[in-house]
Amino acid sequence: MPRNSAVALKATKQQAHIFAALGDPTRLSLVAKLIDGETHSISALSEGSKITRQAVTKHLTVLEGAGLVSKVKEGRESLYLLDPKPLKSLQEYLDIISMQWDQTLQNLKSFVEE
């Protein structure tokens, strides 16, 4: 496999891992709560929802595994912080796909009009 193809395949797998982590409504709502750039405790993140602190912790572990959040220990408490880099990477990935679709649709339009 050529090097560029191997790099593209690895990037696609990383993007899929991030999309999978964000594919759960609970995890997506946790990301929305973390989007302010501040650290949040598990208690704060579970506040206002019917989900238990233990379930929030499990979802945060998935997000951490995908590189979307990082955990900072402060005494006995764990605080979580969103890392925006993977989200920016997803945006770039979606922009590339969008450009490819735009080109494909333009090619189809040209073909049909001929």
PDB file of N, CA and C in Angstrom:
ATOM      1  N   MET A   1       0.848  -1.174   0.000  1.00  0.00           N
ATOM      2  CA  MET A   1       0.000   0.000   0.000  1.00  0.00           C
ATOM      3  C   MET A   1       0.896   1.240   0.000  1.00  0.00           C
ATOM      4  N   PRO A   2       0.648   2.179  -0.925  1.00  0.00           N
ATOM      5  CA  PRO A   2       1.448   3.409  -0.951  1.00  0.00           C
ATOM      6  C   PRO A   2       1.316   4.178   0.362  1.00  0.00           C
ATOM      7  N   ARG A   3       2.368   4.938   0.663  1.00  0.00           N
ATOM      8  CA  ARG A   3       2.408   5.665   1.935  1.00  0.00           C
ATOM      9  C   ARG A   3       1.213   6.605   2.106  1.00  0.00           C
ATOM     10  N   ASN A   4       0.865   7.356   1.055  1.00  0.00           N
ATOM     11  CA  ASN A   4      -0.266   8.289   1.147  1.00  0.00           C
ATOM     12  C   ASN A   4      -1.569   7.547   1.445  1.00  0.00           C
ATOM     13  N   SER A   5      -1.744   6.368   0.838  1.00  0.00           N
ATOM     14  CA  SER A   5      -2.948   5.578   1.092  1.00  0.00           C
ATOM     15  C   SER A   5      -2.974   5.080   2.524  1.00  0.00           C
ATOM     16  N   ALA A   6      -1.825   4.687   3.035  1.00  0.00           N
ATOM     17  CA  ALA A   6      -1.748   4.207   4.418  1.00  0.00           C
ATOM     18  C   ALA A   6      -2.065   5.336   5.389  1.00  0.00           C
ATOM     19  N   VAL A   7      -1.562   6.526   5.108  1.00  0.00           N
ATOM     20  CA  VAL A   7      -1.825   7.687   5.959  1.00  0.00           C
ATOM     21  C   VAL A   7      -3.313   8.040   5.904  1.00  0.00           C
ATOM     22  N   ALA A   8      -3.883   8.009   4.700  1.00  0.00           N
ATOM     23  CA  ALA A   8      -5.309   8.326   4.542  1.00  0.00           C
ATOM     24  C   ALA A   8      -6.175   7.305   5.269  1.00  0.00           C
ATOM     25  N   LEU A   9      -5.798   6.031   5.190  1.00  0.00           N
ATOM     26  CA  LEU A   9      -6.554   4.978   5.877  1.00  0.00           C
ATOM     27  C   LEU A   9      -6.488   5.170   7.385  1.00  0.00           C
ATOM     28  N   LYS A  10      -5.320   5.499   7.899  1.00  0.00           N
ATOM     29  CA  LYS A  10      -5.167   5.728   9.337  1.00  0.00           C
ATOM     30  C   LYS A  10      -6.011   6.924   9.767  1.00  0.00           C
ATOM     31  N   ALA A  11      -5.987   8.005   8.985  1.00  0.00           N
ATOM     32  CA  ALA A  11      -6.778   9.194   9.307  1.00  0.00           C
ATOM     33  C   ALA A  11      -8.268   8.869   9.292  1.00  0.00           C
ATOM     34  N   THR A  12      -8.693   8.072   8.323  1.00  0.00           N
ATOM     35  CA  THR A  12     -10.102   7.689   8.237  1.00  0.00           C
ATOM     36  C   THR A  12     -10.518   6.870   9.451  1.00  0.00           C
ATOM     37  N   LYS A  13      -9.666   5.962   9.896  1.00  0.00           N
ATOM     38  CA  LYS A  13      -9.973   5.159  11.084  1.00  0.00           C
ATOM     39  C   LYS A  13     -10.063   6.033  12.331  1.00  0.00           C
ATOM     40  N   GLN A  14      -9.174   7.027  12.430  1.00  0.00           N
ATOM     41  CA  GLN A  14      -9.223   7.943  13.565  1.00  0.00           C
ATOM     42  C   GLN A  14     -10.518   8.754  13.538  1.00  0.00           C
ATOM     43  N   GLN A  15     -10.896   9.229  12.367  1.00  0.00           N
ATOM     44  CA  GLN A  15     -12.136   9.994  12.241  1.00  0.00           C
ATOM     45  C   GLN A  15     -13.331   9.126  12.607  1.00  0.00           C
ATOM     46  N   ALA A  16     -13.327   7.879  12.165  1.00  0.00           N
ATOM     47  CA  ALA A  16     -14.434   6.964  12.474  1.00  0.00           C
ATOM     48  C   ALA A  16     -14.548   6.752  13.979  1.00  0.00           C
ATOM     49  N   HIS A  17     -13.413   6.648  14.657  1.00  0.00           N
ATOM     50  CA  HIS A  17     -13.399   6.471  16.112  1.00  0.00           C
ATOM     51  C   HIS A  17     -14.029   7.682  16.804  1.00  0.00           C
ATOM     52  N   ILE A  18     -13.727   8.868  16.312  1.00  0.00           N
ATOM     53  CA  ILE A  18     -14.286  10.097  16.889  1.00  0.00           C
ATOM     54  C   ILE A  18     -15.786  10.178  16.594  1.00  0.00           C
ATOM     55  N   PHE A  19     -16.169   9.888  15.345  1.00  0.00           N
ATOM     56  CA  PHE A  19     -17.591   9.900  15.003  1.00  0.00           C
ATOM     57  C   PHE A  19     -18.364   8.899  15.859  1.00  0.00           C
ATOM     58  N   ALA A  20     -17.791   7.726  16.089  1.00  0.00           N
ATOM     59  CA  ALA A  20     -18.454   6.711  16.914  1.00  0.00           C
ATOM     60  C   ALA A  20     -18.654   7.221  18.338  1.00  0.00           C
ATOM     61  N   ALA A  21     -17.643   7.885  18.880  1.00  0.00           N
ATOM     62  CA  ALA A  21     -17.757   8.425  20.241  1.00  0.00           C
ATOM     63  C   ALA A  21     -18.840   9.495  20.306  1.00  0.00           C
ATOM     64  N   LEU A  22     -18.963  10.286  19.249  1.00  0.00           N
ATOM     65  CA  LEU A  22     -19.956  11.358  19.231  1.00  0.00           C
ATOM     66  C   LEU A  22     -21.343  10.866  18.821  1.00  0.00           C
ATOM     67  N   GLY A  23     -21.431   9.618  18.376  1.00  0.00           N
ATOM     68  CA  GLY A  23     -22.693   9.075  17.886  1.00  0.00           C
ATOM     69  C   GLY A  23     -23.712   8.770  18.961  1.00  0.00           C
ATOM     70  N   ASP A  24     -23.316   8.848  20.211  1.00  0.00           N
ATOM     71  CA  ASP A  24     -24.236   8.590  21.308  1.00  0.00           C
ATOM     72  C   ASP A  24     -24.805   9.921  21.811  1.00  0.00           C
ATOM     73  N   PRO A  25     -26.124  10.036  21.964  1.00  0.00           N
ATOM     74  CA  PRO A  25     -26.715  11.303  22.403  1.00  0.00           C
ATOM     75  C   PRO A  25     -26.190  11.794  23.758  1.00  0.00           C
ATOM     76  N   THR A  26     -25.941  10.887  24.672  1.00  0.00           N
ATOM     77  CA  THR A  26     -25.430  11.294  25.984  1.00  0.00           C
ATOM     78  C   THR A  26     -24.032  11.877  25.856  1.00  0.00           C
ATOM     79  N   ARG A  27     -23.179  11.216  25.086  1.00  0.00           N
ATOM     80  CA  ARG A  27     -21.810  11.727  24.918  1.00  0.00           C
ATOM     81  C   ARG A  27     -21.825  13.061  24.176  1.00  0.00           C
ATOM     82  N   LEU A  28     -22.696  13.179  23.200  1.00  0.00           N
ATOM     83  CA  LEU A  28     -22.802  14.439  22.465  1.00  0.00           C
ATOM     84  C   LEU A  28     -23.258  15.568  23.397  1.00  0.00           C
ATOM     85  N   SER A  29     -24.159  15.272  24.321  1.00  0.00           N
ATOM     86  CA  SER A  29     -24.597  16.299  25.267  1.00  0.00           C
ATOM     87  C   SER A  29     -23.482  16.650  26.245  1.00  0.00           C
ATOM     88  N   LEU A  30     -22.644  15.686  26.587  1.00  0.00           N
ATOM     89  CA  LEU A  30     -21.495  15.977  27.453  1.00  0.00           C
ATOM     90  C   LEU A  30     -20.512  16.900  26.741  1.00  0.00           C
ATOM     91  N   VAL A  31     -20.286  16.655  25.461  1.00  0.00           N
ATOM     92  CA  VAL A  31     -19.401  17.531  24.678  1.00  0.00           C
ATOM     93  C   VAL A  31     -19.977  18.940  24.639  1.00  0.00           C
ATOM     94  N   ALA A  32     -21.304  19.038  24.488  1.00  0.00           N
ATOM     95  CA  ALA A  32     -21.945  20.360  24.471  1.00  0.00           C
ATOM     96  C   ALA A  32     -21.729  21.087  25.799  1.00  0.00           C
ATOM     97  N   LYS A  33     -21.746  20.353  26.900  1.00  0.00           N
ATOM     98  CA  LYS A  33     -21.513  20.974  28.205  1.00  0.00           C
ATOM     99  C   LYS A  33     -20.054  21.385  28.379  1.00  0.00           C
ATOM    100  N   LEU A  34     -19.151  20.672  27.720  1.00  0.00           N
ATOM    101  CA  LEU A  34     -17.719  20.941  27.860  1.00  0.00           C
ATOM    102  C   LEU A  34     -17.198  21.969  26.854  1.00  0.00           C
ATOM    103  N   ILE A  35     -18.036  22.386  25.943  1.00  0.00           N
ATOM    104  CA  ILE A  35     -17.600  23.241  24.837  1.00  0.00           C
ATOM    105  C   ILE A  35     -17.120  24.616  25.295  1.00  0.00           C
ATOM    106  N   ASP A  36     -17.423  24.991  26.532  1.00  0.00           N
ATOM    107  CA  ASP A  36     -17.041  26.319  27.026  1.00  0.00           C
ATOM    108  C   ASP A  36     -15.550  26.452  27.338  1.00  0.00           C
ATOM    109  N   GLY A  37     -14.812  25.337  27.251  1.00  0.00           N
ATOM    110  CA  GLY A  37     -13.372  25.397  27.473  1.00  0.00           C
ATOM    111  C   GLY A  37     -12.968  25.338  28.936  1.00  0.00           C
ATOM    112  N   GLU A  38     -13.929  25.212  29.835  1.00  0.00           N
ATOM    113  CA  GLU A  38     -13.658  25.125  31.266  1.00  0.00           C
ATOM    114  C   GLU A  38     -13.613  23.659  31.693  1.00  0.00           C
ATOM    115  N   THR A  39     -12.966  23.404  32.839  1.00  0.00           N
ATOM    116  CA  THR A  39     -13.002  22.055  33.396  1.00  0.00           C
ATOM    117  C   THR A  39     -14.310  21.881  34.161  1.00  0.00           C
ATOM    118  N   HIS A  40     -14.831  20.654  34.101  1.00  0.00           N
ATOM    119  CA  HIS A  40     -16.099  20.343  34.765  1.00  0.00           C
ATOM    120  C   HIS A  40     -15.959  19.034  35.528  1.00  0.00           C
ATOM    121  N   SER A  41     -16.556  18.998  36.701  1.00  0.00           N
ATOM    122  CA  SER A  41     -16.575  17.775  37.504  1.00  0.00           C
ATOM    123  C   SER A  41     -17.668  16.837  36.982  1.00  0.00           C
ATOM    124  N   ILE A  42     -17.583  15.597  37.389  1.00  0.00           N
ATOM    125  CA  ILE A  42     -18.604  14.627  37.015  1.00  0.00           C
ATOM    126  C   ILE A  42     -19.954  15.062  37.578  1.00  0.00           C
ATOM    127  N   SER A  43     -19.948  15.590  38.786  1.00  0.00           N
ATOM    128  CA  SER A  43     -21.203  16.076  39.395  1.00  0.00           C
ATOM    129  C   SER A  43     -21.827  17.164  38.548  1.00  0.00           C
ATOM    130  N   ALA A  44     -21.015  18.111  38.120  1.00  0.00           N
ATOM    131  CA  ALA A  44     -21.531  19.214  37.302  1.00  0.00           C
ATOM    132  C   ALA A  44     -22.054  18.700  35.957  1.00  0.00           C
ATOM    133  N   LEU A  45     -21.368  17.728  35.389  1.00  0.00           N
ATOM    134  CA  LEU A  45     -21.780  17.198  34.086  1.00  0.00           C
ATOM    135  C   LEU A  45     -23.039  16.346  34.179  1.00  0.00           C
ATOM    136  N   SER A  46     -23.278  15.727  35.323  1.00  0.00           N
ATOM    137  CA  SER A  46     -24.475  14.898  35.477  1.00  0.00           C
ATOM    138  C   SER A  46     -25.669  15.717  35.978  1.00  0.00           C
ATOM    139  N   GLU A  47     -25.412  16.934  36.409  1.00  0.00           N
ATOM    140  CA  GLU A  47     -26.469  17.810  36.915  1.00  0.00           C
ATOM    141  C   GLU A  47     -27.508  18.092  35.833  1.00  0.00           C
ATOM    142  N   GLY A  48     -28.771  17.986  36.227  1.00  0.00           N
ATOM    143  CA  GLY A  48     -29.857  18.284  35.298  1.00  0.00           C
ATOM    144  C   GLY A  48     -30.209  17.149  34.355  1.00  0.00           C
ATOM    145  N   SER A  49     -29.610  15.992  34.540  1.00  0.00           N
ATOM    146  CA  SER A  49     -29.949  14.852  33.688  1.00  0.00           C
ATOM    147  C   SER A  49     -30.346  13.671  34.566  1.00  0.00           C
ATOM    148  N   LYS A  50     -30.961  12.700  33.956  1.00  0.00           N
ATOM    149  CA  LYS A  50     -31.404  11.512  34.683  1.00  0.00           C
ATOM    150  C   LYS A  50     -30.307  10.453  34.750  1.00  0.00           C
ATOM    151  N   ILE A  51     -29.184  10.729  34.134  1.00  0.00           N
ATOM    152  CA  ILE A  51     -28.093   9.763  34.060  1.00  0.00           C
ATOM    153  C   ILE A  51     -27.268   9.804  35.357  1.00  0.00           C
ATOM    154  N   THR A  52     -26.820   8.651  35.795  1.00  0.00           N
ATOM    155  CA  THR A  52     -26.047   8.566  37.036  1.00  0.00           C
ATOM    156  C   THR A  52     -24.625   9.060  36.825  1.00  0.00           C
ATOM    157  N   ARG A  53     -23.979   9.384  37.928  1.00  0.00           N
ATOM    158  CA  ARG A  53     -22.574   9.811  37.858  1.00  0.00           C
ATOM    159  C   ARG A  53     -21.711   8.684  37.290  1.00  0.00           C
ATOM    160  N   GLN A  54     -22.027   7.447  37.649  1.00  0.00           N
ATOM    161  CA  GLN A  54     -21.261   6.305  37.141  1.00  0.00           C
ATOM    162  C   GLN A  54     -21.396   6.192  35.620  1.00  0.00           C
ATOM    163  N   ALA A  55     -22.601   6.404  35.114  1.00  0.00           N
ATOM    164  CA  ALA A  55     -22.807   6.351  33.661  1.00  0.00           C
ATOM    165  C   ALA A  55     -22.084   7.500  32.970  1.00  0.00           C
ATOM    166  N   VAL A  56     -22.116   8.686  33.577  1.00  0.00           N
ATOM    167  CA  VAL A  56     -21.395   9.834  33.022  1.00  0.00           C
ATOM    168  C   VAL A  56     -19.905   9.508  32.942  1.00  0.00           C
ATOM    169  N   THR A  57     -19.377   8.891  33.991  1.00  0.00           N
ATOM    170  CA  THR A  57     -17.957   8.510  34.011  1.00  0.00           C
ATOM    171  C   THR A  57     -17.634   7.560  32.870  1.00  0.00           C
ATOM    172  N   LYS A  58     -18.500   6.582  32.615  1.00  0.00           N
ATOM    173  CA  LYS A  58     -18.271   5.634  31.515  1.00  0.00           C
ATOM    174  C   LYS A  58     -18.277   6.354  30.166  1.00  0.00           C
ATOM    175  N   HIS A  59     -19.204   7.280  29.994  1.00  0.00           N
ATOM    176  CA  HIS A  59     -19.254   8.030  28.733  1.00  0.00           C
ATOM    177  C   HIS A  59     -18.032   8.932  28.572  1.00  0.00           C
ATOM    178  N   LEU A  60     -17.594   9.529  29.658  1.00  0.00           N
ATOM    179  CA  LEU A  60     -16.393  10.363  29.603  1.00  0.00           C
ATOM    180  C   LEU A  60     -15.158   9.535  29.268  1.00  0.00           C
ATOM    181  N   THR A  61     -15.126   8.297  29.736  1.00  0.00           N
ATOM    182  CA  THR A  61     -14.011   7.404  29.409  1.00  0.00           C
ATOM    183  C   THR A  61     -13.959   7.126  27.908  1.00  0.00           C
ATOM    184  N   VAL A  62     -15.121   6.947  27.295  1.00  0.00           N
ATOM    185  CA  VAL A  62     -15.175   6.746  25.838  1.00  0.00           C
ATOM    186  C   VAL A  62     -14.679   7.993  25.111  1.00  0.00           C
ATOM    187  N   LEU A  63     -15.151   9.159  25.564  1.00  0.00           N
ATOM    188  CA  LEU A  63     -14.711  10.415  24.945  1.00  0.00           C
ATOM    189  C   LEU A  63     -13.213  10.631  25.131  1.00  0.00           C
ATOM    190  N   GLU A  64     -12.711  10.237  26.287  1.00  0.00           N
ATOM    191  CA  GLU A  64     -11.275  10.354  26.548  1.00  0.00           C
ATOM    192  C   GLU A  64     -10.489   9.418  25.634  1.00  0.00           C
ATOM    193  N   GLY A  65     -11.008   8.218  25.426  1.00  0.00           N
ATOM    194  CA  GLY A  65     -10.356   7.256  24.528  1.00  0.00           C
ATOM    195  C   GLY A  65     -10.290   7.742  23.090  1.00  0.00           C
ATOM    196  N   ALA A  66     -11.264   8.558  22.702  1.00  0.00           N
ATOM    197  CA  ALA A  66     -11.279   9.116  21.346  1.00  0.00           C
ATOM    198  C   ALA A  66     -10.472  10.398  21.253  1.00  0.00           C
ATOM    199  N   GLY A  67      -9.905  10.831  22.381  1.00  0.00           N
ATOM    200  CA  GLY A  67      -9.085  12.037  22.385  1.00  0.00           C
ATOM    201  C   GLY A  67      -9.873  13.333  22.465  1.00  0.00           C
ATOM    202  N   LEU A  68     -11.170  13.228  22.761  1.00  0.00           N
ATOM    203  CA  LEU A  68     -12.014  14.417  22.796  1.00  0.00           C
ATOM    204  C   LEU A  68     -11.984  15.147  24.133  1.00  0.00           C
ATOM    205  N   VAL A  69     -11.710  14.427  25.200  1.00  0.00           N
ATOM    206  CA  VAL A  69     -11.621  15.056  26.515  1.00  0.00           C
ATOM    207  C   VAL A  69     -10.366  14.565  27.226  1.00  0.00           C
ATOM    208  N   SER A  70      -9.929  15.359  28.156  1.00  0.00           N
ATOM    209  CA  SER A  70      -8.826  14.931  29.007  1.00  0.00           C
ATOM    210  C   SER A  70      -9.268  15.091  30.451  1.00  0.00           C
ATOM    211  N   LYS A  71      -8.687  14.253  31.299  1.00  0.00           N
ATOM    212  CA  LYS A  71      -9.034  14.248  32.715  1.00  0.00           C
ATOM    213  C   LYS A  71      -7.896  14.860  33.505  1.00  0.00           C
ATOM    214  N   VAL A  72      -8.255  15.741  34.432  1.00  0.00           N
ATOM    215  CA  VAL A  72      -7.283  16.382  35.305  1.00  0.00           C
ATOM    216  C   VAL A  72      -7.693  16.055  36.737  1.00  0.00           C
ATOM    217  N   LYS A  73      -6.767  15.511  37.495  1.00  0.00           N
ATOM    218  CA  LYS A  73      -7.045  15.204  38.901  1.00  0.00           C
ATOM    219  C   LYS A  73      -6.807  16.448  39.733  1.00  0.00           C
ATOM    220  N   GLU A  74      -7.767  16.779  40.559  1.00  0.00           N
ATOM    221  CA  GLU A  74      -7.632  17.893  41.489  1.00  0.00           C
ATOM    222  C   GLU A  74      -8.063  17.361  42.858  1.00  0.00           C
ATOM    223  N   GLY A  75      -7.083  16.950  43.643  1.00  0.00           N
ATOM    224  CA  GLY A  75      -7.394  16.289  44.905  1.00  0.00           C
ATOM    225  C   GLY A  75      -8.021  14.945  44.618  1.00  0.00           C
ATOM    226  N   ARG A  76      -9.174  14.705  45.196  1.00  0.00           N
ATOM    227  CA  ARG A  76      -9.883  13.444  44.972  1.00  0.00           C
ATOM    228  C   ARG A  76     -10.837  13.525  43.794  1.00  0.00           C
ATOM    229  N   GLU A  77     -10.989  14.716  43.243  1.00  0.00           N
ATOM    230  CA  GLU A  77     -11.962  14.935  42.186  1.00  0.00           C
ATOM    231  C   GLU A  77     -11.304  14.873  40.809  1.00  0.00           C
ATOM    232  N   SER A  78     -12.032  14.314  39.860  1.00  0.00           N
ATOM    233  CA  SER A  78     -11.601  14.318  38.467  1.00  0.00           C
ATOM    234  C   SER A  78     -12.357  15.409  37.732  1.00  0.00           C
ATOM    235  N   LEU A  79     -11.615  16.241  37.027  1.00  0.00           N
ATOM    236  CA  LEU A  79     -12.213  17.302  36.221  1.00  0.00           C
ATOM    237  C   LEU A  79     -11.945  16.985  34.754  1.00  0.00           C
ATOM    238  N   TYR A  80     -12.896  17.308  33.919  1.00  0.00           N
ATOM    239  CA  TYR A  80     -12.787  16.987  32.501  1.00  0.00           C
ATOM    240  C   TYR A  80     -12.776  18.257  31.667  1.00  0.00           C
ATOM    241  N   LEU A  81     -11.966  18.207  30.611  1.00  0.00           N
ATOM    242  CA  LEU A  81     -11.768  19.346  29.730  1.00  0.00           C
ATOM    243  C   LEU A  81     -11.852  18.865  28.282  1.00  0.00           C
ATOM    244  N   LEU A  82     -12.579  19.602  27.461  1.00  0.00           N
ATOM    245  CA  LEU A  82     -12.710  19.263  26.047  1.00  0.00           C
ATOM    246  C   LEU A  82     -11.448  19.640  25.298  1.00  0.00           C
ATOM    247  N   ASP A  83     -10.987  18.753  24.423  1.00  0.00           N
ATOM    248  CA  ASP A  83      -9.872  19.056  23.527  1.00  0.00           C
ATOM    249  C   ASP A  83     -10.487  19.328  22.152  1.00  0.00           C
ATOM    250  N   PRO A  84     -10.448  20.560  21.661  1.00  0.00           N
ATOM    251  CA  PRO A  84     -11.111  20.896  20.401  1.00  0.00           C
ATOM    252  C   PRO A  84     -10.386  20.387  19.143  1.00  0.00           C
ATOM    253  N   LYS A  85      -9.134  19.941  19.279  1.00  0.00           N
ATOM    254  CA  LYS A  85      -8.374  19.515  18.089  1.00  0.00           C
ATOM    255  C   LYS A  85      -9.073  18.409  17.300  1.00  0.00           C
ATOM    256  N   PRO A  86      -9.573  17.347  17.942  1.00  0.00           N
ATOM    257  CA  PRO A  86     -10.264  16.322  17.146  1.00  0.00           C
ATOM    258  C   PRO A  86     -11.511  16.860  16.438  1.00  0.00           C
ATOM    259  N   LEU A  87     -12.195  17.824  17.044  1.00  0.00           N
ATOM    260  CA  LEU A  87     -13.370  18.404  16.396  1.00  0.00           C
ATOM    261  C   LEU A  87     -12.960  19.220  15.177  1.00  0.00           C
ATOM    262  N   LYS A  88     -11.847  19.928  15.275  1.00  0.00           N
ATOM    263  CA  LYS A  88     -11.335  20.675  14.126  1.00  0.00           C
ATOM    264  C   LYS A  88     -10.915  19.709  13.021  1.00  0.00           C
ATOM    265  N   SER A  89     -10.339  18.593  13.420  1.00  0.00           N
ATOM    266  CA  SER A  89      -9.942  17.571  12.462  1.00  0.00           C
ATOM    267  C   SER A  89     -11.172  17.012  11.738  1.00  0.00           C
ATOM    268  N   LEU A  90     -12.266  16.795  12.478  1.00  0.00           N
ATOM    269  CA  LEU A  90     -13.508  16.331  11.852  1.00  0.00           C
ATOM    270  C   LEU A  90     -14.035  17.362  10.869  1.00  0.00           C
ATOM    271  N   GLN A  91     -13.953  18.633  11.233  1.00  0.00           N
ATOM    272  CA  GLN A  91     -14.426  19.690  10.349  1.00  0.00           C
ATOM    273  C   GLN A  91     -13.628  19.688   9.044  1.00  0.00           C
ATOM    274  N   GLU A  92     -12.315  19.539   9.141  1.00  0.00           N
ATOM    275  CA  GLU A  92     -11.476  19.472   7.941  1.00  0.00           C
ATOM    276  C   GLU A  92     -11.843  18.261   7.091  1.00  0.00           C
ATOM    277  N   TYR A  93     -12.069  17.137   7.752  1.00  0.00           N
ATOM    278  CA  TYR A  93     -12.450  15.907   7.062  1.00  0.00           C
ATOM    279  C   TYR A  93     -13.783  16.098   6.329  1.00  0.00           C
ATOM    280  N   LEU A  94     -14.758  16.694   7.003  1.00  0.00           N
ATOM    281  CA  LEU A  94     -16.059  16.936   6.384  1.00  0.00           C
ATOM    282  C   LEU A  94     -15.967  17.954   5.256  1.00  0.00           C
ATOM    283  N   ASP A  95     -15.078  18.929   5.379  1.00  0.00           N
ATOM    284  CA  ASP A  95     -14.868  19.897   4.299  1.00  0.00           C
ATOM    285  C   ASP A  95     -14.341  19.205   3.045  1.00  0.00           C
ATOM    286  N   ILE A  96     -13.425  18.264   3.226  1.00  0.00           N
ATOM    287  CA  ILE A  96     -12.882  17.512   2.083  1.00  0.00           C
ATOM    288  C   ILE A  96     -13.979  16.702   1.413  1.00  0.00           C
ATOM    289  N   ILE A  97     -14.785  16.020   2.217  1.00  0.00           N
ATOM    290  CA  ILE A  97     -15.885  15.227   1.662  1.00  0.00           C
ATOM    291  C   ILE A  97     -16.876  16.134   0.930  1.00  0.00           C
ATOM    292  N   SER A  98     -17.158  17.280   1.510  1.00  0.00           N
ATOM    293  CA  SER A  98     -18.079  18.240   0.888  1.00  0.00           C
ATOM    294  C   SER A  98     -17.562  18.696  -0.478  1.00  0.00           C
ATOM    295  N   MET A  99     -16.261  18.993  -0.550  1.00  0.00           N
ATOM    296  CA  MET A  99     -15.669  19.420  -1.824  1.00  0.00           C
ATOM    297  C   MET A  99     -15.754  18.289  -2.851  1.00  0.00           C
ATOM    298  N   GLN A 100     -15.526  17.045  -2.399  1.00  0.00           N
ATOM    299  CA  GLN A 100     -15.608  15.911  -3.309  1.00  0.00           C
ATOM    300  C   GLN A 100     -17.031  15.754  -3.853  1.00  0.00           C
ATOM    301  N   TRP A 101     -18.031  15.906  -2.992  1.00  0.00           N
ATOM    302  CA  TRP A 101     -19.420  15.814  -3.422  1.00  0.00           C
ATOM    303  C   TRP A 101     -19.770  16.957  -4.368  1.00  0.00           C
ATOM    304  N   ASP A 102     -19.307  18.148  -4.056  1.00  0.00           N
ATOM    305  CA  ASP A 102     -19.567  19.284  -4.939  1.00  0.00           C
ATOM    306  C   ASP A 102     -19.003  19.018  -6.325  1.00  0.00           C
ATOM    307  N   GLN A 103     -17.781  18.480  -6.391  1.00  0.00           N
ATOM    308  CA  GLN A 103     -17.156  18.178  -7.681  1.00  0.00           C
ATOM    309  C   GLN A 103     -17.922  17.068  -8.407  1.00  0.00           C
ATOM    310  N   THR A 104     -18.325  16.051  -7.684  1.00  0.00           N
ATOM    311  CA  THR A 104     -19.075  14.950  -8.285  1.00  0.00           C
ATOM    312  C   THR A 104     -20.406  15.440  -8.839  1.00  0.00           C
ATOM    313  N   LEU A 105     -21.096  16.280  -8.080  1.00  0.00           N
ATOM    314  CA  LEU A 105     -22.368  16.818  -8.552  1.00  0.00           C
ATOM    315  C   LEU A 105     -22.172  17.732  -9.752  1.00  0.00           C
ATOM    316  N   GLN A 106     -21.094  18.498  -9.757  1.00  0.00           N
ATOM    317  CA  GLN A 106     -20.788  19.355 -10.910  1.00  0.00           C
ATOM    318  C   GLN A 106     -20.514  18.505 -12.146  1.00  0.00           C
ATOM    319  N   ASN A 107     -19.761  17.408 -11.966  1.00  0.00           N
ATOM    320  CA  ASN A 107     -19.486  16.495 -13.082  1.00  0.00           C
ATOM    321  C   ASN A 107     -20.783  15.882 -13.610  1.00  0.00           C
ATOM    322  N   LEU A 108     -21.667  15.490 -12.703  1.00  0.00           N
ATOM    323  CA  LEU A 108     -22.945  14.911 -13.109  1.00  0.00           C
ATOM    324  C   LEU A 108     -23.779  15.936 -13.870  1.00  0.00           C
ATOM    325  N   LYS A 109     -23.818  17.158 -13.373  1.00  0.00           N
ATOM    326  CA  LYS A 109     -24.567  18.225 -14.030  1.00  0.00           C
ATOM    327  C   LYS A 109     -24.041  18.459 -15.444  1.00  0.00           C
ATOM    328  N   SER A 110     -22.719  18.517 -15.573  1.00  0.00           N
ATOM    329  CA  SER A 110     -22.112  18.717 -16.900  1.00  0.00           C
ATOM    330  C   SER A 110     -22.461  17.570 -17.843  1.00  0.00           C
ATOM    331  N   PHE A 111     -22.424  16.358 -17.327  1.00  0.00           N
ATOM    332  CA  PHE A 111     -22.738  15.186 -18.125  1.00  0.00           C
ATOM    333  C   PHE A 111     -24.186  15.224 -18.591  1.00  0.00           C
ATOM    334  N   VAL A 112     -25.104  15.552 -17.705  1.00  0.00           N
ATOM    335  CA  VAL A 112     -26.521  15.575 -18.035  1.00  0.00           C
ATOM    336  C   VAL A 112     -26.829  16.695 -19.031  1.00  0.00           C
ATOM    337  N   GLU A 113     -26.159  17.806 -18.920  1.00  0.00           N
ATOM    338  CA  GLU A 113     -26.427  18.948 -19.782  1.00  0.00           C
ATOM    339  C   GLU A 113     -25.834  18.785 -21.181  1.00  0.00           C
ATOM    340  N   GLU A 114     -24.928  17.840 -21.351  1.00  0.00           N
ATOM    341  CA  GLU A 114     -24.313  17.644 -22.686  1.00  0.00           C
ATOM    342  C   GLU A 114     -25.215  16.921 -23.629  1.00  0.00           C
TER     343      GLU A 114
END
